[in-house]
Amino acid sequence: MTAATQPATPANNNEPVRVNHTVRNIIITIVVVAIVAVGAFFGYRSFAGAGESAAKGTKDNPVKIGVVGATNPEWVKFKQKAEAAGIYVDIIDFQDYTSENPALDSGELDLNEFQHLLYLANYNVSNNKDLQPIGGTAIYPLGVYSTKVKSIDDIKQGDTVTIPNDETNQARAIGVLKAAGLVTLKGDWTAFSTPADIDEAKSKVKVTPLKAEQVATTLKDPTIAAGVINNDYVADAGLDPKDAIYQDNAESEEARPYINVWVARKADVNNETYKKLIDIFHEKDVLDALQENSGGTAVFADKFSAEELQGFLKDIEKDAKAQQ
């Protein structure tokens, strides 16, 4: 007999159909990540832009000022007075002099105050930049000292005076001696003058350049009438700045390269908020704090206009370019 044929098992219509959703899930994930990323980006832009859109000098967009010695009393007093006048500032401390001008040029800072005009001129010329002074603060005089005479007029024809031989202070010391009537130059004095520029036949004294730290010790030498001593070595020599028989001042032509200044980018020289900050710094209690911090050696240079200082800078830059 032939075995009976078993009927086919009918399909189970209740069995779920297996579908591959991998591609769909990947697409959904990409879309979600993109939406989140875009939202985060615009949220950040909105947050970051809030400070950028606020007016300069407001709490959300303070004026950033680079200095060396942010905790000095003049800066503490200045910040208090600026904020009382409605201008918020950040006093940013730098540990050296080399970083502040690049930071200002790049926009990291709005202003800086740490340098004299000669330093600024050398920076601009060497780096093809055009940072500009917008206000003066002070100079720190370079003095002539002596243990032999009490007055600059008592120095005799043919006496020897020692000066520091470093690049910055040597030219300045020659300028001090010129202003004091002790030397005559072959041409005009510049912040780059050297002993070779002295007309020895027409000068009252002979000039001997030495290392800055050695000048003070020469005052004990009976053959040395006087010395031009760098401020850094005055106290070490047991001297007081008040002992100087002559020193430069902020209004002499030879002192101009050494006026310490507020500096801004050229585009900001007429910024009204920055002008107000200069005026605040020039107020008596701020300058008193500066004078206290200087040990009484500062000679204020707060009367020069921005235009005058910019003119001085232009002249110094011309001399600097001539040295290249």
C-alpha atoms as a PDB file:
ATOM      1  CA  MET A   1       0.000   0.000   0.000  1.00  0.00           C
ATOM      2  CA  THR A   2       1.037   3.388  -0.634  1.00  0.00           C
ATOM      3  CA  ALA A   3       1.475   5.445   2.501  1.00  0.00           C
ATOM      4  CA  ALA A   4      -1.027   8.228   2.872  1.00  0.00           C
ATOM      5  CA  THR A   5       0.365  11.679   2.041  1.00  0.00           C
ATOM      6  CA  GLN A   6       0.410  14.099   5.056  1.00  0.00           C
ATOM      7  CA  PRO A   7      -1.294  17.416   4.367  1.00  0.00           C
ATOM      8  CA  ALA A   8       1.048  20.499   4.255  1.00  0.00           C
ATOM      9  CA  THR A   9       1.211  22.535   7.448  1.00  0.00           C
ATOM     10  CA  PRO A  10      -0.489  25.850   6.877  1.00  0.00           C
ATOM     11  CA  ALA A  11       1.564  29.064   7.357  1.00  0.00           C
ATOM     12  CA  ASN A  12       1.267  30.790  10.777  1.00  0.00           C
ATOM     13  CA  ASN A  13      -0.035  34.211   9.948  1.00  0.00           C
ATOM     14  CA  ASN A  14       0.630  35.357  13.500  1.00  0.00           C
ATOM     15  CA  GLU A  15       4.458  35.081  13.196  1.00  0.00           C
ATOM     16  CA  PRO A  16       6.073  38.544  13.272  1.00  0.00           C
ATOM     17  CA  VAL A  17       7.968  39.642  10.185  1.00  0.00           C
ATOM     18  CA  ARG A  18      11.692  40.369  10.884  1.00  0.00           C
ATOM     19  CA  VAL A  19      12.751  43.677   9.260  1.00  0.00           C
ATOM     20  CA  ASN A  20      16.347  45.125   9.350  1.00  0.00           C
ATOM     21  CA  HIS A  21      16.145  48.712  10.778  1.00  0.00           C
ATOM     22  CA  THR A  22      19.940  49.305  10.988  1.00  0.00           C
ATOM     23  CA  VAL A  23      20.128  51.867   8.179  1.00  0.00           C
ATOM     24  CA  ARG A  24      17.119  53.780   9.501  1.00  0.00           C
ATOM     25  CA  ASN A  25      18.571  53.921  13.015  1.00  0.00           C
ATOM     26  CA  ILE A  26      21.890  55.230  11.743  1.00  0.00           C
ATOM     27  CA  ILE A  27      20.161  58.000   9.824  1.00  0.00           C
ATOM     28  CA  ILE A  28      18.068  58.979  12.849  1.00  0.00           C
ATOM     29  CA  THR A  29      21.188  59.052  15.064  1.00  0.00           C
ATOM     30  CA  ILE A  30      23.053  61.278  12.600  1.00  0.00           C
ATOM     31  CA  VAL A  31      20.114  63.685  12.385  1.00  0.00           C
ATOM     32  CA  VAL A  32      19.769  63.899  16.178  1.00  0.00           C
ATOM     33  CA  VAL A  33      23.515  64.490  16.688  1.00  0.00           C
ATOM     34  CA  ALA A  34      23.472  67.196  14.015  1.00  0.00           C
ATOM     35  CA  ILE A  35      20.507  68.950  15.649  1.00  0.00           C
ATOM     36  CA  VAL A  36      22.203  68.851  19.049  1.00  0.00           C
ATOM     37  CA  ALA A  37      25.484  70.128  17.583  1.00  0.00           C
ATOM     38  CA  VAL A  38      23.794  73.016  15.782  1.00  0.00           C
ATOM     39  CA  GLY A  39      21.870  73.933  18.898  1.00  0.00           C
ATOM     40  CA  ALA A  40      25.010  73.844  21.016  1.00  0.00           C
ATOM     41  CA  PHE A  41      26.913  75.951  18.461  1.00  0.00           C
ATOM     42  CA  PHE A  42      24.319  78.687  18.292  1.00  0.00           C
ATOM     43  CA  GLY A  43      23.848  78.549  22.044  1.00  0.00           C
ATOM     44  CA  TYR A  44      27.571  79.137  22.502  1.00  0.00           C
ATOM     45  CA  ARG A  45      27.594  81.898  19.901  1.00  0.00           C
ATOM     46  CA  SER A  46      24.735  83.559  21.717  1.00  0.00           C
ATOM     47  CA  PHE A  47      26.523  83.230  25.052  1.00  0.00           C
ATOM     48  CA  ALA A  48      29.899  84.396  23.745  1.00  0.00           C
ATOM     49  CA  GLY A  49      28.349  87.175  21.720  1.00  0.00           C
ATOM     50  CA  ALA A  50      26.636  88.616  24.762  1.00  0.00           C
ATOM     51  CA  GLY A  51      29.965  89.842  26.114  1.00  0.00           C
ATOM     52  CA  GLU A  52      31.224  90.962  22.715  1.00  0.00           C
ATOM     53  CA  SER A  53      28.126  92.991  21.961  1.00  0.00           C
ATOM     54  CA  ALA A  54      28.178  94.760  25.321  1.00  0.00           C
ATOM     55  CA  ALA A  55      29.732  98.230  25.264  1.00  0.00           C
ATOM     56  CA  LYS A  56      33.445  98.344  26.073  1.00  0.00           C
ATOM     57  CA  GLY A  57      33.936  99.242  29.718  1.00  0.00           C
ATOM     58  CA  THR A  58      30.724  97.607  30.935  1.00  0.00           C
ATOM     59  CA  LYS A  59      30.675  94.749  33.423  1.00  0.00           C
ATOM     60  CA  ASP A  60      30.151  92.215  30.633  1.00  0.00           C
ATOM     61  CA  ASN A  61      32.942  93.680  28.500  1.00  0.00           C
ATOM     62  CA  PRO A  62      35.612  95.278  30.717  1.00  0.00           C
ATOM     63  CA  VAL A  63      38.624  97.167  29.376  1.00  0.00           C
ATOM     64  CA  LYS A  64      41.575  94.773  29.530  1.00  0.00           C
ATOM     65  CA  ILE A  65      44.779  96.516  30.609  1.00  0.00           C
ATOM     66  CA  GLY A  66      48.162  94.779  30.650  1.00  0.00           C
ATOM     67  CA  VAL A  67      50.639  95.844  33.337  1.00  0.00           C
ATOM     68  CA  VAL A  68      53.623  94.541  35.248  1.00  0.00           C
ATOM     69  CA  GLY A  69      52.674  94.663  38.926  1.00  0.00           C
ATOM     70  CA  ALA A  70      48.872  94.477  38.967  1.00  0.00           C
ATOM     71  CA  THR A  71      48.772  94.565  42.772  1.00  0.00           C
ATOM     72  CA  ASN A  72      50.735  97.821  43.002  1.00  0.00           C
ATOM     73  CA  PRO A  73      48.828 100.461  44.981  1.00  0.00           C
ATOM     74  CA  GLU A  74      48.289 102.735  41.987  1.00  0.00           C
ATOM     75  CA  TRP A  75      46.444  99.976  40.114  1.00  0.00           C
ATOM     76  CA  VAL A  76      44.309  99.060  43.103  1.00  0.00           C
ATOM     77  CA  LYS A  77      43.290 102.706  43.542  1.00  0.00           C
ATOM     78  CA  PHE A  78      42.811 103.185  39.787  1.00  0.00           C
ATOM     79  CA  LYS A  79      40.478 100.203  39.446  1.00  0.00           C
ATOM     80  CA  GLN A  80      38.365 101.375  42.368  1.00  0.00           C
ATOM     81  CA  LYS A  81      38.008 104.840  40.900  1.00  0.00           C
ATOM     82  CA  ALA A  82      37.322 103.586  37.375  1.00  0.00           C
ATOM     83  CA  GLU A  83      34.478 101.365  38.542  1.00  0.00           C
ATOM     84  CA  ALA A  84      33.105 104.175  40.708  1.00  0.00           C
ATOM     85  CA  ALA A  85      32.974 106.189  37.483  1.00  0.00           C
ATOM     86  CA  GLY A  86      31.097 103.369  35.766  1.00  0.00           C
ATOM     87  CA  ILE A  87      34.004 101.901  33.768  1.00  0.00           C
ATOM     88  CA  TYR A  88      34.890  98.290  34.470  1.00  0.00           C
ATOM     89  CA  VAL A  89      38.494  97.224  33.934  1.00  0.00           C
ATOM     90  CA  ASP A  90      40.523  94.039  34.168  1.00  0.00           C
ATOM     91  CA  ILE A  91      44.106  94.696  35.288  1.00  0.00           C
ATOM     92  CA  ILE A  92      46.040  91.802  33.773  1.00  0.00           C
ATOM     93  CA  ASP A  93      49.440  91.060  35.264  1.00  0.00           C
ATOM     94  CA  PHE A  94      52.409  90.133  33.070  1.00  0.00           C
ATOM     95  CA  GLN A  95      55.664  88.784  34.450  1.00  0.00           C
ATOM     96  CA  ASP A  96      57.885  90.242  31.729  1.00  0.00           C
ATOM     97  CA  TYR A  97      57.979  93.052  29.188  1.00  0.00           C
ATOM     98  CA  THR A  98      58.068  90.974  26.012  1.00  0.00           C
ATOM     99  CA  SER A  99      54.473  89.716  25.870  1.00  0.00           C
ATOM    100  CA  GLU A 100      52.337  92.801  26.392  1.00  0.00           C
ATOM    101  CA  ASN A 101      52.750  94.546  23.050  1.00  0.00           C
ATOM    102  CA  PRO A 102      51.988  91.395  21.037  1.00  0.00           C
ATOM    103  CA  ALA A 103      48.948  90.818  23.271  1.00  0.00           C
ATOM    104  CA  LEU A 104      47.744  94.359  22.608  1.00  0.00           C
ATOM    105  CA  ASP A 105      48.376  94.106  18.885  1.00  0.00           C
ATOM    106  CA  SER A 106      46.432  90.823  18.642  1.00  0.00           C
ATOM    107  CA  GLY A 107      43.425  92.192  20.549  1.00  0.00           C
ATOM    108  CA  GLU A 108      43.977  90.124  23.689  1.00  0.00           C
ATOM    109  CA  LEU A 109      44.430  93.454  25.497  1.00  0.00           C
ATOM    110  CA  ASP A 110      42.742  96.808  24.937  1.00  0.00           C
ATOM    111  CA  LEU A 111      45.526  98.898  26.518  1.00  0.00           C
ATOM    112  CA  ASN A 112      48.834  98.442  28.266  1.00  0.00           C
ATOM    113  CA  GLU A 113      50.937 100.572  30.593  1.00  0.00           C
ATOM    114  CA  PHE A 114      54.423  99.299  31.323  1.00  0.00           C
ATOM    115  CA  GLN A 115      56.879 100.824  28.850  1.00  0.00           C
ATOM    116  CA  HIS A 116      58.596 104.039  27.902  1.00  0.00           C
ATOM    117  CA  LEU A 117      58.529 105.568  24.438  1.00  0.00           C
ATOM    118  CA  LEU A 118      61.935 104.208  23.467  1.00  0.00           C
ATOM    119  CA  TYR A 119      60.851 100.633  24.176  1.00  0.00           C
ATOM    120  CA  LEU A 120      57.656 101.200  22.185  1.00  0.00           C
ATOM    121  CA  ALA A 121      59.565 102.717  19.268  1.00  0.00           C
ATOM    122  CA  ASN A 122      61.950  99.779  19.121  1.00  0.00           C
ATOM    123  CA  TYR A 123      59.006  97.353  19.189  1.00  0.00           C
ATOM    124  CA  ASN A 124      57.149  99.124  16.395  1.00  0.00           C
ATOM    125  CA  VAL A 125      60.202  99.455  14.159  1.00  0.00           C
ATOM    126  CA  SER A 126      61.430  95.898  14.728  1.00  0.00           C
ATOM    127  CA  ASN A 127      58.005  94.334  14.160  1.00  0.00           C
ATOM    128  CA  ASN A 128      56.512  96.732  11.602  1.00  0.00           C
ATOM    129  CA  LYS A 129      53.713  97.684  14.009  1.00  0.00           C
ATOM    130  CA  ASP A 130      51.986 100.960  14.811  1.00  0.00           C
ATOM    131  CA  LEU A 131      50.944 100.898  18.464  1.00  0.00           C
ATOM    132  CA  GLN A 132      50.470 104.430  19.791  1.00  0.00           C
ATOM    133  CA  PRO A 133      50.760 106.282  23.127  1.00  0.00           C
ATOM    134  CA  ILE A 134      47.577 107.927  24.378  1.00  0.00           C
ATOM    135  CA  GLY A 135      48.725 109.242  27.761  1.00  0.00           C
ATOM    136  CA  GLY A 136      51.828 109.722  29.892  1.00  0.00           C
ATOM    137  CA  THR A 137      52.461 108.550  33.441  1.00  0.00           C
ATOM    138  CA  ALA A 138      55.954 109.332  34.705  1.00  0.00           C
ATOM    139  CA  ILE A 139      59.652 109.032  34.132  1.00  0.00           C
ATOM    140  CA  TYR A 140      62.109 107.721  36.669  1.00  0.00           C
ATOM    141  CA  PRO A 141      65.042 110.124  36.568  1.00  0.00           C
ATOM    142  CA  LEU A 142      68.603 109.096  35.877  1.00  0.00           C
ATOM    143  CA  GLY A 143      70.808 111.046  38.244  1.00  0.00           C
ATOM    144  CA  VAL A 144      74.367 112.294  38.520  1.00  0.00           C
ATOM    145  CA  TYR A 145      75.902 111.451  41.915  1.00  0.00           C
ATOM    146  CA  SER A 146      79.132 112.513  43.556  1.00  0.00           C
ATOM    147  CA  THR A 147      80.982 112.206  46.861  1.00  0.00           C
ATOM    148  CA  LYS A 148      83.376 114.962  45.840  1.00  0.00           C
ATOM    149  CA  VAL A 149      81.100 117.913  45.031  1.00  0.00           C
ATOM    150  CA  LYS A 150      77.696 119.142  46.172  1.00  0.00           C
ATOM    151  CA  SER A 151      76.604 120.803  42.934  1.00  0.00           C
ATOM    152  CA  ILE A 152      76.840 120.007  39.238  1.00  0.00           C
ATOM    153  CA  ASP A 153      78.413 123.450  38.796  1.00  0.00           C
ATOM    154  CA  ASP A 154      81.339 122.410  41.015  1.00  0.00           C
ATOM    155  CA  ILE A 155      82.570 119.809  38.536  1.00  0.00           C
ATOM    156  CA  LYS A 156      85.770 121.135  36.979  1.00  0.00           C
ATOM    157  CA  GLN A 157      87.042 121.263  33.426  1.00  0.00           C
ATOM    158  CA  GLY A 158      88.765 117.984  32.587  1.00  0.00           C
ATOM    159  CA  ASP A 159      87.154 115.959  35.390  1.00  0.00           C
ATOM    160  CA  THR A 160      86.109 112.359  34.661  1.00  0.00           C
ATOM    161  CA  VAL A 161      82.514 111.168  34.918  1.00  0.00           C
ATOM    162  CA  THR A 162      81.515 107.509  34.648  1.00  0.00           C
ATOM    163  CA  ILE A 163      78.351 106.315  32.915  1.00  0.00           C
ATOM    164  CA  PRO A 164      76.659 102.915  32.407  1.00  0.00           C
ATOM    165  CA  ASN A 165      77.559 101.239  29.124  1.00  0.00           C
ATOM    166  CA  ASP A 166      74.377  99.240  28.451  1.00  0.00           C
ATOM    167  CA  GLU A 167      72.498 100.107  25.278  1.00  0.00           C
ATOM    168  CA  THR A 168      69.571 101.979  26.832  1.00  0.00           C
ATOM    169  CA  ASN A 169      71.174 103.774  29.767  1.00  0.00           C
ATOM    170  CA  GLN A 170      74.371 104.790  27.979  1.00  0.00           C
ATOM    171  CA  ALA A 171      72.557 107.039  25.512  1.00  0.00           C
ATOM    172  CA  ARG A 172      70.348 108.369  28.267  1.00  0.00           C
ATOM    173  CA  ALA A 173      73.339 109.144  30.502  1.00  0.00           C
ATOM    174  CA  ILE A 174      74.985 111.063  27.669  1.00  0.00           C
ATOM    175  CA  GLY A 175      71.753 113.031  27.321  1.00  0.00           C
ATOM    176  CA  VAL A 176      71.778 113.813  31.050  1.00  0.00           C
ATOM    177  CA  LEU A 177      75.363 115.093  30.850  1.00  0.00           C
ATOM    178  CA  LYS A 178      74.485 117.149  27.772  1.00  0.00           C
ATOM    179  CA  ALA A 179      71.499 118.705  29.561  1.00  0.00           C
ATOM    180  CA  ALA A 180      73.729 119.429  32.550  1.00  0.00           C
ATOM    181  CA  GLY A 181      76.219 121.267  30.323  1.00  0.00           C
ATOM    182  CA  LEU A 182      79.023 118.769  30.882  1.00  0.00           C
ATOM    183  CA  VAL A 183      79.356 117.395  27.353  1.00  0.00           C
ATOM    184  CA  THR A 184      78.875 118.717  23.838  1.00  0.00           C
ATOM    185  CA  LEU A 185      77.892 116.413  21.007  1.00  0.00           C
ATOM    186  CA  LYS A 186      79.089 116.452  17.425  1.00  0.00           C
ATOM    187  CA  GLY A 187      75.471 116.394  16.262  1.00  0.00           C
ATOM    188  CA  ASP A 188      72.010 116.070  17.726  1.00  0.00           C
ATOM    189  CA  TRP A 189      71.448 113.804  20.715  1.00  0.00           C
ATOM    190  CA  THR A 190      69.288 110.751  20.115  1.00  0.00           C
ATOM    191  CA  ALA A 191      68.250 107.792  22.218  1.00  0.00           C
ATOM    192  CA  PHE A 192      70.957 105.891  20.326  1.00  0.00           C
ATOM    193  CA  SER A 193      73.900 108.237  20.984  1.00  0.00           C
ATOM    194  CA  THR A 194      77.231 106.682  22.015  1.00  0.00           C
ATOM    195  CA  PRO A 195      80.452 108.066  23.519  1.00  0.00           C
ATOM    196  CA  ALA A 196      81.786 108.332  19.956  1.00  0.00           C
ATOM    197  CA  ASP A 197      79.250 111.119  19.399  1.00  0.00           C
ATOM    198  CA  ILE A 198      80.786 113.277  22.139  1.00  0.00           C
ATOM    199  CA  ASP A 199      82.959 116.165  20.983  1.00  0.00           C
ATOM    200  CA  GLU A 200      85.703 115.767  23.554  1.00  0.00           C
ATOM    201  CA  ALA A 201      87.477 119.022  22.618  1.00  0.00           C
ATOM    202  CA  LYS A 202      84.339 121.051  23.349  1.00  0.00           C
ATOM    203  CA  SER A 203      83.185 119.117  26.418  1.00  0.00           C
ATOM    204  CA  LYS A 204      83.807 120.026  30.037  1.00  0.00           C
ATOM    205  CA  VAL A 205      84.367 116.468  31.245  1.00  0.00           C
ATOM    206  CA  LYS A 206      85.816 113.178  30.078  1.00  0.00           C
ATOM    207  CA  VAL A 207      83.342 110.286  29.964  1.00  0.00           C
ATOM    208  CA  THR A 208      84.201 106.701  30.899  1.00  0.00           C
ATOM    209  CA  PRO A 209      81.604 103.971  30.178  1.00  0.00           C
ATOM    210  CA  LEU A 210      81.472 101.032  32.598  1.00  0.00           C
ATOM    211  CA  LYS A 211      79.090  98.238  33.512  1.00  0.00           C
ATOM    212  CA  ALA A 212      76.085  99.773  35.260  1.00  0.00           C
ATOM    213  CA  GLU A 213      76.774  97.998  38.542  1.00  0.00           C
ATOM    214  CA  GLN A 214      80.343  99.347  38.606  1.00  0.00           C
ATOM    215  CA  VAL A 215      79.523 103.034  38.249  1.00  0.00           C
ATOM    216  CA  ALA A 216      78.491 103.545  41.872  1.00  0.00           C
ATOM    217  CA  THR A 217      81.731 102.034  43.191  1.00  0.00           C
ATOM    218  CA  THR A 218      83.766 104.527  41.165  1.00  0.00           C
ATOM    219  CA  LEU A 219      82.523 107.339  43.408  1.00  0.00           C
ATOM    220  CA  LYS A 220      85.127 106.139  45.930  1.00  0.00           C
ATOM    221  CA  ASP A 221      87.873 106.614  43.356  1.00  0.00           C
ATOM    222  CA  PRO A 222      89.641 109.944  43.946  1.00  0.00           C
ATOM    223  CA  THR A 223      90.115 110.387  40.199  1.00  0.00           C
ATOM    224  CA  ILE A 224      86.374 110.206  39.465  1.00  0.00           C
ATOM    225  CA  ALA A 225      84.384 113.392  40.018  1.00  0.00           C
ATOM    226  CA  ALA A 226      80.902 111.904  39.546  1.00  0.00           C
ATOM    227  CA  GLY A 227      78.896 109.078  38.026  1.00  0.00           C
ATOM    228  CA  VAL A 228      75.548 108.673  36.315  1.00  0.00           C
ATOM    229  CA  ILE A 229      73.958 105.858  38.292  1.00  0.00           C
ATOM    230  CA  ASN A 230      71.094 103.683  37.115  1.00  0.00           C
ATOM    231  CA  ASN A 231      68.154 103.784  39.553  1.00  0.00           C
ATOM    232  CA  ASP A 232      68.463 100.048  40.142  1.00  0.00           C
ATOM    233  CA  TYR A 233      71.830 100.577  41.819  1.00  0.00           C
ATOM    234  CA  VAL A 234      71.259 103.767  43.792  1.00  0.00           C
ATOM    235  CA  ALA A 235      70.057 102.069  46.986  1.00  0.00           C
ATOM    236  CA  ASP A 236      72.673  99.306  46.684  1.00  0.00           C
ATOM    237  CA  ALA A 237      75.338 102.013  46.701  1.00  0.00           C
ATOM    238  CA  GLY A 238      73.987 103.426  49.959  1.00  0.00           C
ATOM    239  CA  LEU A 239      72.625 106.474  48.165  1.00  0.00           C
ATOM    240  CA  ASP A 240      69.258 108.154  48.142  1.00  0.00           C
ATOM    241  CA  PRO A 241      67.708 109.539  44.951  1.00  0.00           C
ATOM    242  CA  LYS A 242      67.592 112.889  46.728  1.00  0.00           C
ATOM    243  CA  ASP A 243      71.410 112.804  46.844  1.00  0.00           C
ATOM    244  CA  ALA A 244      71.641 113.338  43.076  1.00  0.00           C
ATOM    245  CA  ILE A 245      73.395 116.595  42.148  1.00  0.00           C
ATOM    246  CA  TYR A 246      71.562 116.577  38.823  1.00  0.00           C
ATOM    247  CA  GLN A 247      68.847 114.508  37.162  1.00  0.00           C
ATOM    248  CA  ASP A 248      66.734 114.618  34.031  1.00  0.00           C
ATOM    249  CA  ASN A 249      63.086 115.581  34.135  1.00  0.00           C
ATOM    250  CA  ALA A 250      59.985 114.850  32.128  1.00  0.00           C
ATOM    251  CA  GLU A 251      60.102 118.149  30.250  1.00  0.00           C
ATOM    252  CA  SER A 252      63.657 117.962  28.930  1.00  0.00           C
ATOM    253  CA  GLU A 253      64.168 116.862  25.336  1.00  0.00           C
ATOM    254  CA  GLU A 254      66.647 114.194  26.421  1.00  0.00           C
ATOM    255  CA  ALA A 255      64.096 112.651  28.790  1.00  0.00           C
ATOM    256  CA  ARG A 256      61.317 112.242  26.224  1.00  0.00           C
ATOM    257  CA  PRO A 257      62.225 108.710  25.108  1.00  0.00           C
ATOM    258  CA  TYR A 258      61.932 107.569  28.723  1.00  0.00           C
ATOM    259  CA  ILE A 259      58.405 108.830  29.405  1.00  0.00           C
ATOM    260  CA  ASN A 260      56.287 105.876  30.492  1.00  0.00           C
ATOM    261  CA  VAL A 261      53.056 105.765  28.541  1.00  0.00           C
ATOM    262  CA  TRP A 262      49.621 104.229  28.111  1.00  0.00           C
ATOM    263  CA  VAL A 263      49.496 102.451  24.747  1.00  0.00           C
ATOM    264  CA  ALA A 264      46.623 101.514  22.430  1.00  0.00           C
ATOM    265  CA  ARG A 265      46.167 100.213  18.924  1.00  0.00           C
ATOM    266  CA  LYS A 266      46.208 103.032  16.399  1.00  0.00           C
ATOM    267  CA  ALA A 267      42.503 102.558  15.623  1.00  0.00           C
ATOM    268  CA  ASP A 268      41.674 103.278  19.286  1.00  0.00           C
ATOM    269  CA  VAL A 269      43.646 106.452  19.941  1.00  0.00           C
ATOM    270  CA  ASN A 270      40.444 108.529  20.077  1.00  0.00           C
ATOM    271  CA  ASN A 271      38.365 106.061  22.084  1.00  0.00           C
ATOM    272  CA  GLU A 272      36.442 108.164  24.597  1.00  0.00           C
ATOM    273  CA  THR A 273      36.298 105.433  27.251  1.00  0.00           C
ATOM    274  CA  TYR A 274      40.069 105.042  27.106  1.00  0.00           C
ATOM    275  CA  LYS A 275      40.519 108.817  27.371  1.00  0.00           C
ATOM    276  CA  LYS A 276      38.412 108.807  30.544  1.00  0.00           C
ATOM    277  CA  LEU A 277      40.617 106.085  32.014  1.00  0.00           C
ATOM    278  CA  ILE A 278      43.717 108.203  31.352  1.00  0.00           C
ATOM    279  CA  ASP A 279      42.055 111.129  33.137  1.00  0.00           C
ATOM    280  CA  ILE A 280      41.246 108.888  36.107  1.00  0.00           C
ATOM    281  CA  PHE A 281      44.851 107.680  36.302  1.00  0.00           C
ATOM    282  CA  HIS A 282      46.003 111.299  36.356  1.00  0.00           C
ATOM    283  CA  GLU A 283      43.889 112.122  39.413  1.00  0.00           C
ATOM    284  CA  LYS A 284      45.883 113.063  42.480  1.00  0.00           C
ATOM    285  CA  ASP A 285      45.180 110.060  44.692  1.00  0.00           C
ATOM    286  CA  VAL A 286      46.212 107.623  41.952  1.00  0.00           C
ATOM    287  CA  LEU A 287      49.412 109.560  41.231  1.00  0.00           C
ATOM    288  CA  ASP A 288      50.083 109.746  44.985  1.00  0.00           C
ATOM    289  CA  ALA A 289      49.883 105.947  45.116  1.00  0.00           C
ATOM    290  CA  LEU A 290      52.259 105.731  42.152  1.00  0.00           C
ATOM    291  CA  GLN A 291      54.681 108.096  43.838  1.00  0.00           C
ATOM    292  CA  GLU A 292      54.554 106.109  47.063  1.00  0.00           C
ATOM    293  CA  ASN A 293      55.285 102.898  45.171  1.00  0.00           C
ATOM    294  CA  SER A 294      58.249 104.536  43.407  1.00  0.00           C
ATOM    295  CA  GLY A 295      59.857 105.520  46.682  1.00  0.00           C
ATOM    296  CA  GLY A 296      59.501 109.174  45.795  1.00  0.00           C
ATOM    297  CA  THR A 297      61.504 108.917  42.567  1.00  0.00           C
ATOM    298  CA  ALA A 298      58.741 109.356  39.975  1.00  0.00           C
ATOM    299  CA  VAL A 299      58.501 112.587  38.019  1.00  0.00           C
ATOM    300  CA  PHE A 300      54.998 112.832  36.621  1.00  0.00           C
ATOM    301  CA  ALA A 301      54.512 113.163  32.879  1.00  0.00           C
ATOM    302  CA  ASP A 302      50.748 113.649  32.989  1.00  0.00           C
ATOM    303  CA  LYS A 303      50.644 117.010  31.199  1.00  0.00           C
ATOM    304  CA  PHE A 304      51.604 115.770  27.753  1.00  0.00           C
ATOM    305  CA  SER A 305      48.761 115.375  25.280  1.00  0.00           C
ATOM    306  CA  ALA A 306      48.335 112.186  23.269  1.00  0.00           C
ATOM    307  CA  GLU A 307      49.294 114.132  20.147  1.00  0.00           C
ATOM    308  CA  GLU A 308      52.544 115.353  21.726  1.00  0.00           C
ATOM    309  CA  LEU A 309      53.483 111.849  22.826  1.00  0.00           C
ATOM    310  CA  GLN A 310      52.710 110.485  19.379  1.00  0.00           C
ATOM    311  CA  GLY A 311      54.975 113.148  17.897  1.00  0.00           C
ATOM    312  CA  PHE A 312      57.791 112.180  20.266  1.00  0.00           C
ATOM    313  CA  LEU A 313      57.317 108.534  19.274  1.00  0.00           C
ATOM    314  CA  LYS A 314      57.500 109.375  15.582  1.00  0.00           C
ATOM    315  CA  ASP A 315      60.835 111.154  16.106  1.00  0.00           C
ATOM    316  CA  ILE A 316      62.275 108.250  18.113  1.00  0.00           C
ATOM    317  CA  GLU A 317      61.125 105.754  15.498  1.00  0.00           C
ATOM    318  CA  LYS A 318      62.871 107.808  12.820  1.00  0.00           C
ATOM    319  CA  ASP A 319      66.104 107.596  14.828  1.00  0.00           C
ATOM    320  CA  ALA A 320      65.593 103.850  15.408  1.00  0.00           C
ATOM    321  CA  LYS A 321      65.158 103.224  11.679  1.00  0.00           C
ATOM    322  CA  ALA A 322      68.368 105.143  11.010  1.00  0.00           C
ATOM    323  CA  GLN A 323      70.215 102.655  13.228  1.00  0.00           C
ATOM    324  CA  GLN A 324      69.073  99.648  11.214  1.00  0.00           C
END
